Protein backbone atom coordinates (compact mmCIF):
# COMPACT_ATOMS: atom_id res chain seq x y z
CA MET A 1 -8.72 -64.09 20.39
CA LYS A 2 -6.66 -64.07 17.19
CA LEU A 3 -9.57 -62.57 15.24
CA SER A 4 -9.91 -59.90 17.80
CA LEU A 5 -6.23 -59.02 17.60
CA ILE A 6 -6.39 -58.75 13.88
CA LYS A 7 -9.43 -56.46 13.99
CA THR A 8 -7.66 -54.30 16.56
CA PHE A 9 -4.45 -54.09 14.32
CA GLU A 10 -6.66 -53.21 11.35
CA PHE A 11 -8.31 -50.40 13.34
CA ILE A 12 -4.89 -48.96 14.53
CA THR A 13 -3.56 -49.10 11.03
CA LYS A 14 -6.60 -47.22 9.59
CA ALA A 15 -6.46 -44.68 12.41
CA ASN A 16 -2.76 -44.06 11.81
CA GLN A 17 -3.53 -43.65 8.11
CA ILE A 18 -6.22 -41.02 8.95
CA PHE A 19 -3.91 -39.13 11.37
CA PHE A 20 -1.25 -39.21 8.72
CA PHE A 21 -3.63 -37.83 6.07
CA VAL A 22 -4.71 -34.99 8.40
CA GLY A 23 -1.22 -34.24 9.26
CA ILE A 24 -0.38 -33.90 5.53
CA LEU A 25 -3.36 -31.65 5.06
CA VAL A 26 -2.27 -29.27 7.97
CA ILE A 27 1.38 -29.05 6.74
CA ALA A 28 0.16 -28.35 3.29
CA GLY A 29 -2.16 -25.59 4.54
CA LEU A 30 0.72 -23.98 6.49
CA PHE A 31 3.08 -24.19 3.44
CA ILE A 32 0.40 -22.56 1.14
CA SER A 33 -0.18 -19.81 3.76
CA VAL A 34 3.48 -18.95 4.06
CA LEU A 35 4.04 -19.15 0.29
CA THR A 36 1.04 -16.95 -0.42
CA ARG A 37 2.24 -14.36 2.19
CA GLU A 38 5.68 -14.27 0.48
CA LEU A 39 4.34 -14.02 -3.01
CA PHE A 40 2.01 -11.19 -2.19
CA ARG A 41 4.03 -9.37 0.51
CA ASP A 42 4.51 -6.20 -1.56
CA SER A 43 0.95 -6.05 -2.99
CA TYR A 44 -0.86 -6.71 0.31
CA SER A 45 -1.76 -3.81 2.57
CA ASP A 46 -3.18 -3.99 6.11
CA PRO A 47 -6.85 -2.81 6.64
CA GLY A 48 -5.64 0.66 7.41
CA VAL A 49 -4.03 3.27 9.71
CA LYS A 50 -5.34 3.56 13.21
CA ILE A 51 -5.52 6.83 14.84
CA ILE A 52 -4.18 6.97 18.30
CA ASP A 53 -6.31 8.60 20.97
CA GLU A 54 -5.05 11.95 21.92
CA LYS A 55 -4.70 10.81 25.47
CA ARG A 56 -1.85 8.50 24.32
CA VAL A 57 0.13 11.21 22.67
CA ASP A 58 2.51 11.58 25.61
CA GLU A 59 3.22 7.79 25.30
CA LEU A 60 4.21 8.07 21.74
CA GLN A 61 6.05 11.31 21.43
CA LYS A 62 8.96 9.92 19.62
CA VAL A 63 8.39 8.59 16.24
CA GLU A 64 10.78 5.83 15.15
CA TYR A 65 11.55 5.47 11.51
CA GLU A 66 13.18 2.62 9.47
CA GLN A 67 14.46 3.02 5.90
CA LYS A 68 13.92 0.14 3.41
CA PHE A 69 15.45 -0.05 -0.10
CA ILE A 70 12.67 -0.02 -2.78
CA THR A 71 14.38 0.15 -6.22
CA LYS A 72 17.14 1.88 -8.30
CA LEU A 73 16.01 4.11 -11.18
CA GLY A 74 19.04 4.65 -13.31
CA ASP A 75 21.45 6.41 -10.90
CA ILE A 76 18.83 7.10 -8.38
CA PHE A 77 18.46 5.02 -5.25
CA VAL A 78 14.90 5.05 -3.74
CA PHE A 79 14.12 4.29 -0.17
CA GLY A 80 10.93 3.90 1.77
CA ILE A 81 10.68 5.70 5.07
CA ASN A 82 8.48 3.64 7.30
CA ALA A 83 7.09 4.35 10.79
CA LYS A 84 4.72 3.01 13.34
CA SER A 85 3.42 6.49 13.95
CA VAL A 86 3.35 9.81 12.33
CA ARG A 87 2.25 13.35 13.22
CA ILE A 88 -0.42 14.60 10.87
CA SER A 89 -1.76 18.09 11.20
CA GLU A 90 -5.58 18.54 11.13
CA PRO A 91 -6.00 22.31 10.52
CA GLU A 92 -9.73 22.06 10.20
CA GLU A 93 -10.11 21.08 13.76
CA SER A 94 -7.12 22.62 15.52
CA THR A 95 -3.59 23.90 15.12
CA THR A 96 -2.11 20.99 17.02
CA HIS A 97 -0.68 17.74 15.61
CA ALA A 98 -2.47 14.53 16.10
CA LEU A 99 -0.45 11.31 16.51
CA TYR A 100 -1.42 8.44 14.25
CA ALA A 101 -0.30 4.85 14.59
CA VAL A 102 0.54 3.33 11.16
CA GLY A 103 -0.79 -0.07 10.21
CA MET A 104 -2.37 -2.76 12.23
CA SER A 105 -1.46 -6.48 12.26
CA PHE A 106 -2.01 -9.42 14.65
CA ASP A 107 1.26 -8.80 16.39
CA GLY A 108 0.65 -5.11 17.02
CA TYR A 109 1.52 -1.98 15.00
CA THR A 110 3.58 -2.56 11.92
CA ARG A 111 5.55 0.11 10.01
CA LYS A 112 3.94 1.64 6.92
CA ARG A 113 5.43 3.84 4.23
CA VAL A 114 4.96 7.45 5.33
CA ASN A 115 7.56 9.14 3.10
CA MET A 116 10.27 8.40 0.58
CA LEU A 117 13.84 9.31 0.10
CA PHE A 118 15.56 9.71 -3.36
CA ILE A 119 19.39 9.69 -3.46
CA GLU A 120 21.29 10.64 -6.56
CA GLY A 121 25.11 10.90 -5.91
CA ASN A 122 25.37 13.45 -3.02
CA LYS A 123 21.91 14.89 -3.49
CA LYS A 124 19.19 13.65 -1.14
CA LEU A 125 15.43 14.59 -1.43
CA LYS A 126 12.53 13.65 0.69
CA LEU A 127 9.28 13.29 -1.36
CA LEU A 128 6.87 14.80 1.26
CA LYS A 129 7.44 17.77 3.35
CA ASN A 130 5.23 16.28 6.01
CA ASP A 131 4.67 12.50 6.52
CA LYS A 132 1.56 11.10 4.93
CA PHE A 133 0.32 7.48 4.29
CA ILE A 134 1.60 6.51 0.89
CA VAL A 135 -0.76 3.62 -0.21
CA ALA A 136 0.92 2.75 -3.54
CA THR A 137 3.57 3.84 -5.97
CA ASN A 138 4.23 3.28 -9.60
CA PHE A 139 7.72 4.29 -10.73
CA ALA A 140 8.53 5.81 -14.02
CA GLU A 141 9.55 2.86 -16.37
CA GLU A 142 10.19 1.77 -20.00
CA ALA A 143 7.74 -0.36 -21.77
CA THR A 144 8.79 -4.05 -21.43
CA GLY A 145 7.28 -7.48 -21.94
CA TYR A 146 5.65 -7.07 -18.62
CA GLU A 147 4.85 -3.39 -18.75
CA GLN A 148 2.94 -2.53 -21.88
CA PHE A 149 3.38 1.24 -21.67
CA SER A 150 6.09 3.54 -20.58
CA THR A 151 5.77 6.32 -18.07
CA SER A 152 8.16 9.28 -17.67
CA LYS A 153 7.00 10.09 -14.14
CA ASN A 154 6.38 8.46 -10.73
CA ILE A 155 2.72 7.98 -9.66
CA TYR A 156 1.59 7.96 -6.09
CA ARG A 157 -1.68 7.29 -4.30
CA ILE A 158 -1.64 9.11 -0.89
CA ILE A 159 -4.16 9.20 2.01
CA GLU A 160 -3.65 12.58 3.82
CA SER A 161 -6.50 12.68 6.33
CA ASP A 162 -9.21 10.76 7.98
CA THR A 163 -11.96 12.17 5.72
CA ASN A 164 -14.86 9.94 6.96
CA LYS A 165 -13.84 10.52 10.64
CA ASP A 166 -13.97 6.81 11.58
CA GLY A 167 -10.67 6.93 13.43
CA PHE A 168 -8.67 5.11 10.68
CA LEU A 169 -6.83 6.10 7.46
CA ASN A 170 -7.97 3.37 5.14
CA ASN A 171 -9.55 2.74 1.69
CA ASP A 172 -12.84 4.42 2.92
CA ASP A 173 -11.01 7.69 3.14
CA SER A 174 -10.26 10.04 0.32
CA GLN A 175 -7.17 9.05 -1.74
CA ASN A 176 -5.24 11.69 -3.85
CA LEU A 177 -3.24 11.08 -6.74
CA TYR A 178 0.23 12.74 -7.28
CA VAL A 179 3.01 12.58 -9.79
CA SER A 180 6.74 13.57 -9.68
CA SER A 181 9.93 13.53 -11.57
CA VAL A 182 11.92 10.39 -11.46
CA ASN A 183 14.19 11.78 -8.86
CA GLY A 184 11.14 12.79 -6.68
CA GLU A 185 11.16 16.49 -7.57
CA ASP A 186 8.24 18.57 -8.85
CA LEU A 187 5.65 16.59 -6.87
CA LYS A 188 2.23 17.64 -8.11
CA LEU A 189 -1.35 16.82 -7.21
CA ILE A 190 -3.36 15.73 -10.25
CA GLY A 191 -6.43 14.14 -8.78
CA SER A 192 -8.48 14.55 -5.55
CA ASP A 193 -10.71 11.89 -3.97
CA ILE A 194 -10.11 9.42 -6.67
CA ASP A 195 -11.19 5.87 -6.84
CA ARG A 196 -8.58 4.42 -9.06
CA TYR A 197 -6.35 5.12 -12.12
CA GLU A 198 -5.10 3.08 -15.05
CA VAL A 199 -2.08 3.61 -17.35
CA ILE A 200 -3.75 3.41 -20.74
CA GLY A 201 -0.89 4.45 -23.11
CA ASP A 202 2.69 5.88 -23.14
CA ASP A 203 2.48 8.70 -20.57
CA LEU A 204 -1.28 8.58 -20.43
CA ILE A 205 -3.33 7.71 -17.46
CA LEU A 206 -7.11 7.32 -16.88
CA ILE A 207 -8.29 8.88 -13.58
CA ILE A 208 -11.51 7.40 -12.42
CA LYS A 209 -13.75 9.06 -9.74
CA GLY A 210 -17.12 8.18 -8.40
CA GLY A 211 -19.47 5.29 -9.27
CA GLY A 212 -22.48 4.34 -11.17
CA LYS A 213 -23.84 6.98 -13.52
CA GLU A 214 -21.87 9.55 -11.67
CA THR A 215 -18.53 8.02 -12.56
CA GLU A 216 -16.04 10.51 -13.98
CA PHE A 217 -13.24 9.55 -16.38
CA VAL A 218 -10.36 11.95 -17.05
CA GLN A 219 -7.47 11.38 -19.18
CA TYR A 220 -4.10 12.80 -18.01
CA ASN A 221 -0.97 13.32 -20.19
CA LEU A 222 2.12 13.01 -18.02
CA LYS A 223 4.23 14.93 -20.56
CA THR A 224 2.01 17.86 -21.51
CA ASN A 225 0.16 18.11 -18.20
CA GLN A 226 -3.09 18.06 -20.07
CA PHE A 227 -6.45 16.91 -18.62
CA THR A 228 -9.11 15.65 -20.98
CA ARG A 229 -12.55 14.81 -19.60
CA ILE A 230 -14.22 11.81 -21.31
CA ASP A 231 -17.90 12.41 -21.82
CA THR A 232 -19.76 9.02 -21.16
CA SER A 233 -23.21 10.33 -21.11
CA PHE A 234 -25.94 8.57 -23.14
């Protein structure tokens, strides 16, 4: 009887140790998940922008915006204008405006950056005349220990339409490259249907389009507005 009690106690002790170990693993997993989400909150983007069926337009007539502070460039305050839905014109199909829902997450629609607001003193300027999906932004900045090169203009990657007609605005759609002055003025298209770009020197960016042997490399000078195609044939 005594031996049986000892074995039972040993079994309970080991079971408790196993449950404790599993509990530690679960807690650690949750902590890592939350920490990762916080660390990469700014760089992570949802899979894309879902297009609302036209039948639901009446349900979403009112677009609700929210403003979020992004950064301060000298005396210029920069705010992101985010929304759950935007009106985007599709002139190639019709003269009407389609209603898009911006961003998808597990808890429903999330607000995405559809425009930007620059404020300098009493002067206010919206970056885009009509809302689009601003995928990423690199602001003009001086070279530092973190940033190897300086840029005198802001750079934006923007998705403007559902080019592959799959019902979403996402990385499978055409992305266009724009630049503007630090205060958001003089917005200019410098690359259509790009894959990516890299800052390769002071006020120099390399625009990359296509893939494989068809890949195109074009250097763009932010100061002189000069394009130089790099011949990679061999």
